[in-house]
PDB file of all heavy atoms in Angstrom:
ATOM      1  N   TYR A   1    -118.379-100.014-123.034  1.00  0.00           N
ATOM      2  CA  TYR A   1    -117.605 -99.204-122.128  1.00  0.00           C
ATOM      3  C   TYR A   1    -117.766 -99.569-120.647  1.00  0.00           C
ATOM      4  O   TYR A   1    -117.614 -98.716-119.757  1.00  0.00           O
ATOM      5  CB  TYR A   1    -117.934 -97.722-122.352  1.00  0.00           C
ATOM      6  CG  TYR A   1    -117.476 -97.152-123.651  1.00  0.00           C
ATOM      7  CD1 TYR A   1    -118.443 -96.674-124.550  1.00  0.00           C
ATOM      8  CD2 TYR A   1    -116.206 -97.196-124.081  1.00  0.00           C
ATOM      9  CE1 TYR A   1    -118.077 -96.222-125.819  1.00  0.00           C
ATOM     10  CE2 TYR A   1    -115.778 -96.732-125.271  1.00  0.00           C
ATOM     11  CZ  TYR A   1    -116.727 -96.222-126.202  1.00  0.00           C
ATOM     12  OH  TYR A   1    -116.348 -95.713-127.378  1.00  0.00           O
ATOM     13  N   LYS A   2    -118.160-100.802-120.388  1.00  0.00           N
ATOM     14  CA  LYS A   2    -118.280-101.196-118.993  1.00  0.00           C
ATOM     15  C   LYS A   2    -116.940-101.620-118.409  1.00  0.00           C
ATOM     16  O   LYS A   2    -115.931-101.679-119.128  1.00  0.00           O
ATOM     17  CB  LYS A   2    -119.227-102.404-118.825  1.00  0.00           C
ATOM     18  CG  LYS A   2    -118.714-103.680-119.379  1.00  0.00           C
ATOM     19  CD  LYS A   2    -119.737-104.794-119.253  1.00  0.00           C
ATOM     20  CE  LYS A   2    -119.165-106.139-119.756  1.00  0.00           C
ATOM     21  NZ  LYS A   2    -120.130-107.228-119.637  1.00  0.00           N
ATOM     22  N   GLY A   3    -116.881-101.763-117.061  1.00  0.00           N
ATOM     23  CA  GLY A   3    -115.677-102.250-116.426  1.00  0.00           C
ATOM     24  C   GLY A   3    -114.775-101.166-115.873  1.00  0.00           C
ATOM     25  O   GLY A   3    -113.649-101.465-115.487  1.00  0.00           O
ATOM     26  N   TYR A   4    -115.194 -99.917-115.961  1.00  0.00           N
ATOM     27  CA  TYR A   4    -114.359 -98.823-115.409  1.00  0.00           C
ATOM     28  C   TYR A   4    -114.758 -98.573-113.928  1.00  0.00           C
ATOM     29  O   TYR A   4    -115.856 -98.828-113.528  1.00  0.00           O
ATOM     30  CB  TYR A   4    -114.525 -97.576-116.272  1.00  0.00           C
ATOM     31  CG  TYR A   4    -113.879 -97.750-117.595  1.00  0.00           C
ATOM     32  CD1 TYR A   4    -114.567 -98.267-118.653  1.00  0.00           C
ATOM     33  CD2 TYR A   4    -112.517 -97.442-117.736  1.00  0.00           C
ATOM     34  CE1 TYR A   4    -113.903 -98.494-119.905  1.00  0.00           C
ATOM     35  CE2 TYR A   4    -111.896 -97.626-118.979  1.00  0.00           C
ATOM     36  CZ  TYR A   4    -112.560 -98.172-120.040  1.00  0.00           C
ATOM     37  OH  TYR A   4    -111.937 -98.418-121.260  1.00  0.00           O
ATOM     38  N   ASP A   5    -113.773 -98.084-113.193  1.00  0.00           N
ATOM     39  CA  ASP A   5    -114.017 -97.757-111.771  1.00  0.00           C
ATOM     40  C   ASP A   5    -114.774 -96.479-111.606  1.00  0.00           C
ATOM     41  O   ASP A   5    -115.352 -96.257-110.494  1.00  0.00           O
ATOM     42  CB  ASP A   5    -112.623 -97.717-111.015  1.00  0.00           C
ATOM     43  CG  ASP A   5    -111.896 -99.006-111.109  1.00  0.00           C
ATOM     44  OD1 ASP A   5    -112.528-100.081-110.990  1.00  0.00           O
ATOM     45  OD2 ASP A   5    -110.705 -98.931-111.345  1.00  0.00           O
ATOM     46  N   TYR A   6    -114.681 -95.555-112.530  1.00  0.00           N
ATOM     47  CA  TYR A   6    -115.432 -94.335-112.501  1.00  0.00           C
ATOM     48  C   TYR A   6    -115.526 -93.767-113.935  1.00  0.00           C
ATOM     49  O   TYR A   6    -114.797 -94.169-114.834  1.00  0.00           O
ATOM     50  CB  TYR A   6    -114.789 -93.320-111.588  1.00  0.00           C
ATOM     51  CG  TYR A   6    -113.314 -92.989-111.905  1.00  0.00           C
ATOM     52  CD1 TYR A   6    -112.996 -91.917-112.733  1.00  0.00           C
ATOM     53  CD2 TYR A   6    -112.280 -93.719-111.396  1.00  0.00           C
ATOM     54  CE1 TYR A   6    -111.700 -91.618-113.071  1.00  0.00           C
ATOM     55  CE2 TYR A   6    -110.964 -93.480-111.680  1.00  0.00           C
ATOM     56  CZ  TYR A   6    -110.666 -92.412-112.506  1.00  0.00           C
ATOM     57  OH  TYR A   6    -109.387 -92.146-112.862  1.00  0.00           O
ATOM     58  N   TYR A   7    -116.520 -92.875-114.087  1.00  0.00           N
ATOM     59  CA  TYR A   7    -116.807 -92.271-115.423  1.00  0.00           C
ATOM     60  C   TYR A   7    -116.743 -90.759-115.259  1.00  0.00           C
ATOM     61  O   TYR A   7    -117.183 -90.198-114.274  1.00  0.00           O
ATOM     62  CB  TYR A   7    -118.224 -92.672-115.910  1.00  0.00           C
ATOM     63  CG  TYR A   7    -118.251 -94.145-116.268  1.00  0.00           C
ATOM     64  CD1 TYR A   7    -118.503 -95.112-115.313  1.00  0.00           C
ATOM     65  CD2 TYR A   7    -118.074 -94.519-117.577  1.00  0.00           C
ATOM     66  CE1 TYR A   7    -118.540 -96.496-115.629  1.00  0.00           C
ATOM     67  CE2 TYR A   7    -118.106 -95.916-117.958  1.00  0.00           C
ATOM     68  CZ  TYR A   7    -118.341 -96.842-116.929  1.00  0.00           C
ATOM     69  OH  TYR A   7    -118.374 -98.194-117.273  1.00  0.00           O
ATOM     70  N   ILE A   8    -116.201 -90.122-116.287  1.00  0.00           N
ATOM     71  CA  ILE A   8    -116.042 -88.666-116.355  1.00  0.00           C
ATOM     72  C   ILE A   8    -116.692 -88.241-117.642  1.00  0.00           C
ATOM     73  O   ILE A   8    -116.541 -88.893-118.673  1.00  0.00           O
ATOM     74  CB  ILE A   8    -114.579 -88.263-116.330  1.00  0.00           C
ATOM     75  CG1 ILE A   8    -113.794 -88.895-115.248  1.00  0.00           C
ATOM     76  CG2 ILE A   8    -114.418 -86.743-116.364  1.00  0.00           C
ATOM     77  CD1 ILE A   8    -112.310 -88.971-115.474  1.00  0.00           C
ATOM     78  N   GLY A   9    -117.378 -87.112-117.652  1.00  0.00           N
ATOM     79  CA  GLY A   9    -117.971 -86.635-118.869  1.00  0.00           C
ATOM     80  C   GLY A   9    -118.263 -85.167-118.858  1.00  0.00           C
ATOM     81  O   GLY A   9    -118.632 -84.625-117.834  1.00  0.00           O
ATOM     82  N   SER A  10    -118.128 -84.539-120.012  1.00  0.00           N
ATOM     83  CA  SER A  10    -118.399 -83.117-120.170  1.00  0.00           C
ATOM     84  C   SER A  10    -119.556 -82.961-121.106  1.00  0.00           C
ATOM     85  O   SER A  10    -119.553 -83.560-122.199  1.00  0.00           O
ATOM     86  CB  SER A  10    -117.196 -82.433-120.692  1.00  0.00           C
ATOM     87  OG  SER A  10    -117.394 -81.065-120.902  1.00  0.00           O
ATOM     88  N   SER A  11    -120.556 -82.174-120.768  1.00  0.00           N
ATOM     89  CA  SER A  11    -121.711 -81.857-121.618  1.00  0.00           C
ATOM     90  C   SER A  11    -122.394 -83.154-122.054  1.00  0.00           C
ATOM     91  O   SER A  11    -122.866 -83.872-121.256  1.00  0.00           O
ATOM     92  CB  SER A  11    -121.197 -80.972-122.793  1.00  0.00           C
ATOM     93  OG  SER A  11    -122.320 -80.432-123.470  1.00  0.00           O
ATOM     94  N   MET A  12    -122.487 -83.421-123.347  1.00  0.00           N
ATOM     95  CA  MET A  12    -123.072 -84.649-123.856  1.00  0.00           C
ATOM     96  C   MET A  12    -122.328 -85.871-123.306  1.00  0.00           C
ATOM     97  O   MET A  12    -122.932 -86.931-122.984  1.00  0.00           O
ATOM     98  CB  MET A  12    -123.120 -84.741-125.407  1.00  0.00           C
ATOM     99  CG  MET A  12    -123.716 -85.985-125.937  1.00  0.00           C
ATOM    100  SD  MET A  12    -125.383 -86.356-125.420  1.00  0.00           S
ATOM    101  CE  MET A  12    -126.227 -85.165-126.373  1.00  0.00           C
ATOM    102  N   GLY A  13    -121.036 -85.764-123.136  1.00  0.00           N
ATOM    103  CA  GLY A  13    -120.220 -86.799-122.517  1.00  0.00           C
ATOM    104  C   GLY A  13    -120.631 -87.033-121.062  1.00  0.00           C
ATOM    105  O   GLY A  13    -120.560 -88.164-120.519  1.00  0.00           O
ATOM    106  N   GLY A  14    -121.113 -85.937-120.402  1.00  0.00           N
ATOM    107  CA  GLY A  14    -121.597 -86.065-119.049  1.00  0.00           C
ATOM    108  C   GLY A  14    -122.918 -86.884-119.015  1.00  0.00           C
ATOM    109  O   GLY A  14    -123.123 -87.652-118.045  1.00  0.00           O
ATOM    110  N   TYR A  15    -123.691 -86.742-119.998  1.00  0.00           N
ATOM    111  CA  TYR A  15    -124.955 -87.552-120.145  1.00  0.00           C
ATOM    112  C   TYR A  15    -124.566 -89.002-120.206  1.00  0.00           C
ATOM    113  O   TYR A  15    -125.064 -89.816-119.501  1.00  0.00           O
ATOM    114  CB  TYR A  15    -125.655 -87.046-121.382  1.00  0.00           C
ATOM    115  CG  TYR A  15    -126.745 -87.935-121.879  1.00  0.00           C
ATOM    116  CD1 TYR A  15    -128.094 -87.730-121.446  1.00  0.00           C
ATOM    117  CD2 TYR A  15    -126.581 -88.873-122.819  1.00  0.00           C
ATOM    118  CE1 TYR A  15    -129.070 -88.494-121.886  1.00  0.00           C
ATOM    119  CE2 TYR A  15    -127.591 -89.659-123.316  1.00  0.00           C
ATOM    120  CZ  TYR A  15    -128.880 -89.453-122.851  1.00  0.00           C
ATOM    121  OH  TYR A  15    -129.889 -90.259-123.335  1.00  0.00           O
ATOM    122  N   LEU A  16    -123.605 -89.279-121.088  1.00  0.00           N
ATOM    123  CA  LEU A  16    -123.176 -90.712-121.301  1.00  0.00           C
ATOM    124  C   LEU A  16    -122.566 -91.242-120.022  1.00  0.00           C
ATOM    125  O   LEU A  16    -122.846 -92.339-119.576  1.00  0.00           O
ATOM    126  CB  LEU A  16    -122.265 -90.792-122.485  1.00  0.00           C
ATOM    127  CG  LEU A  16    -121.800 -92.170-122.915  1.00  0.00           C
ATOM    128  CD1 LEU A  16    -122.975 -93.127-123.194  1.00  0.00           C
ATOM    129  CD2 LEU A  16    -120.923 -92.046-124.161  1.00  0.00           C
ATOM    130  N   ALA A  17    -121.649 -90.446-119.434  1.00  0.00           N
ATOM    131  CA  ALA A  17    -120.971 -90.879-118.208  1.00  0.00           C
ATOM    132  C   ALA A  17    -121.965 -91.106-117.084  1.00  0.00           C
ATOM    133  O   ALA A  17    -121.782 -92.062-116.278  1.00  0.00           O
ATOM    134  CB  ALA A  17    -119.924 -89.856-117.819  1.00  0.00           C
ATOM    135  N   PHE A  18    -122.899 -90.239-116.947  1.00  0.00           N
ATOM    136  CA  PHE A  18    -123.920 -90.381-115.893  1.00  0.00           C
ATOM    137  C   PHE A  18    -124.661 -91.736-115.961  1.00  0.00           C
ATOM    138  O   PHE A  18    -124.701 -92.474-115.021  1.00  0.00           O
ATOM    139  CB  PHE A  18    -124.916 -89.185-115.887  1.00  0.00           C
ATOM    140  CG  PHE A  18    -126.064 -89.378-114.950  1.00  0.00           C
ATOM    141  CD1 PHE A  18    -125.866 -89.161-113.630  1.00  0.00           C
ATOM    142  CD2 PHE A  18    -127.283 -89.790-115.457  1.00  0.00           C
ATOM    143  CE1 PHE A  18    -126.973 -89.320-112.728  1.00  0.00           C
ATOM    144  CE2 PHE A  18    -128.396 -89.970-114.576  1.00  0.00           C
ATOM    145  CZ  PHE A  18    -128.182 -89.741-113.214  1.00  0.00           C
ATOM    146  N   TYR A  19    -125.231 -92.003-117.111  1.00  0.00           N
ATOM    147  CA  TYR A  19    -125.989 -93.236-117.261  1.00  0.00           C
ATOM    148  C   TYR A  19    -125.125 -94.469-117.137  1.00  0.00           C
ATOM    149  O   TYR A  19    -125.546 -95.487-116.592  1.00  0.00           O
ATOM    150  CB  TYR A  19    -126.812 -93.246-118.545  1.00  0.00           C
ATOM    151  CG  TYR A  19    -128.044 -92.347-118.438  1.00  0.00           C
ATOM    152  CD1 TYR A  19    -128.094 -91.121-118.974  1.00  0.00           C
ATOM    153  CD2 TYR A  19    -129.165 -92.820-117.704  1.00  0.00           C
ATOM    154  CE1 TYR A  19    -129.216 -90.309-118.856  1.00  0.00           C
ATOM    155  CE2 TYR A  19    -130.303 -92.036-117.529  1.00  0.00           C
ATOM    156  CZ  TYR A  19    -130.325 -90.792-118.126  1.00  0.00           C
ATOM    157  OH  TYR A  19    -131.429 -90.000-117.969  1.00  0.00           O
ATOM    158  N   MET A  20    -123.875 -94.406-117.700  1.00  0.00           N
ATOM    159  CA  MET A  20    -122.996 -95.543-117.549  1.00  0.00           C
ATOM    160  C   MET A  20    -122.654 -95.806-116.056  1.00  0.00           C
ATOM    161  O   MET A  20    -122.689 -96.951-115.565  1.00  0.00           O
ATOM    162  CB  MET A  20    -121.650 -95.304-118.277  1.00  0.00           C
ATOM    163  CG  MET A  20    -121.861 -95.203-119.839  1.00  0.00           C
ATOM    164  SD  MET A  20    -122.280 -96.756-120.609  1.00  0.00           S
ATOM    165  CE  MET A  20    -120.762 -97.683-120.347  1.00  0.00           C
ATOM    166  N   ALA A  21    -122.400 -94.693-115.329  1.00  0.00           N
ATOM    167  CA  ALA A  21    -122.040 -94.851-113.899  1.00  0.00           C
ATOM    168  C   ALA A  21    -123.223 -95.352-113.103  1.00  0.00           C
ATOM    169  O   ALA A  21    -123.067 -96.202-112.218  1.00  0.00           O
ATOM    170  CB  ALA A  21    -121.572 -93.526-113.384  1.00  0.00           C
ATOM    171  N   MET A  22    -124.399 -94.839-113.398  1.00  0.00           N
ATOM    172  CA  MET A  22    -125.623 -95.266-112.648  1.00  0.00           C
ATOM    173  C   MET A  22    -125.886 -96.739-112.897  1.00  0.00           C
ATOM    174  O   MET A  22    -126.217 -97.473-111.991  1.00  0.00           O
ATOM    175  CB  MET A  22    -126.835 -94.431-112.973  1.00  0.00           C
ATOM    176  CG  MET A  22    -126.756 -92.958-112.515  1.00  0.00           C
ATOM    177  SD  MET A  22    -126.445 -92.775-110.750  1.00  0.00           S
ATOM    178  CE  MET A  22    -124.707 -92.443-110.712  1.00  0.00           C
ATOM    179  N   ARG A  23    -125.760 -97.211-114.113  1.00  0.00           N
ATOM    180  CA  ARG A  23    -125.945 -98.573-114.497  1.00  0.00           C
ATOM    181  C   ARG A  23    -124.915 -99.483-113.819  1.00  0.00           C
ATOM    182  O   ARG A  23    -125.244-100.569-113.323  1.00  0.00           O
ATOM    183  CB  ARG A  23    -125.906 -98.785-115.982  1.00  0.00           C
ATOM    184  CG  ARG A  23    -125.944-100.206-116.489  1.00  0.00           C
ATOM    185  CD  ARG A  23    -127.305-100.844-116.294  1.00  0.00           C
ATOM    186  NE  ARG A  23    -127.432-102.033-117.099  1.00  0.00           N
ATOM    187  CZ  ARG A  23    -126.890-103.223-116.759  1.00  0.00           C
ATOM    188  NH1 ARG A  23    -126.150-103.325-115.701  1.00  0.00           N
ATOM    189  NH2 ARG A  23    -127.030-104.287-117.528  1.00  0.00           N
ATOM    190  N   ALA A  24    -123.663 -99.023-113.763  1.00  0.00           N
ATOM    191  CA  ALA A  24    -122.560 -99.818-113.174  1.00  0.00           C
ATOM    192  C   ALA A  24    -122.464 -99.704-111.671  1.00  0.00           C
ATOM    193  O   ALA A  24    -121.829-100.530-111.029  1.00  0.00           O
ATOM    194  CB  ALA A  24    -121.226 -99.391-113.827  1.00  0.00           C
ATOM    195  N   GLY A  25    -123.073 -98.663-111.098  1.00  0.00           N
ATOM    196  CA  GLY A  25    -122.991 -98.432-109.685  1.00  0.00           C
ATOM    197  C   GLY A  25    -121.614 -97.939-109.232  1.00  0.00           C
ATOM    198  O   GLY A  25    -121.165 -98.304-108.177  1.00  0.00           O
TER     199      GLY A  25
END
């Protein structure tokens, strides 16, 4: 799931979105 300009997530999806966004900057 890399290569996105931003990540959105709700609840557990927020957990996934957070770490993806932090890794991708």
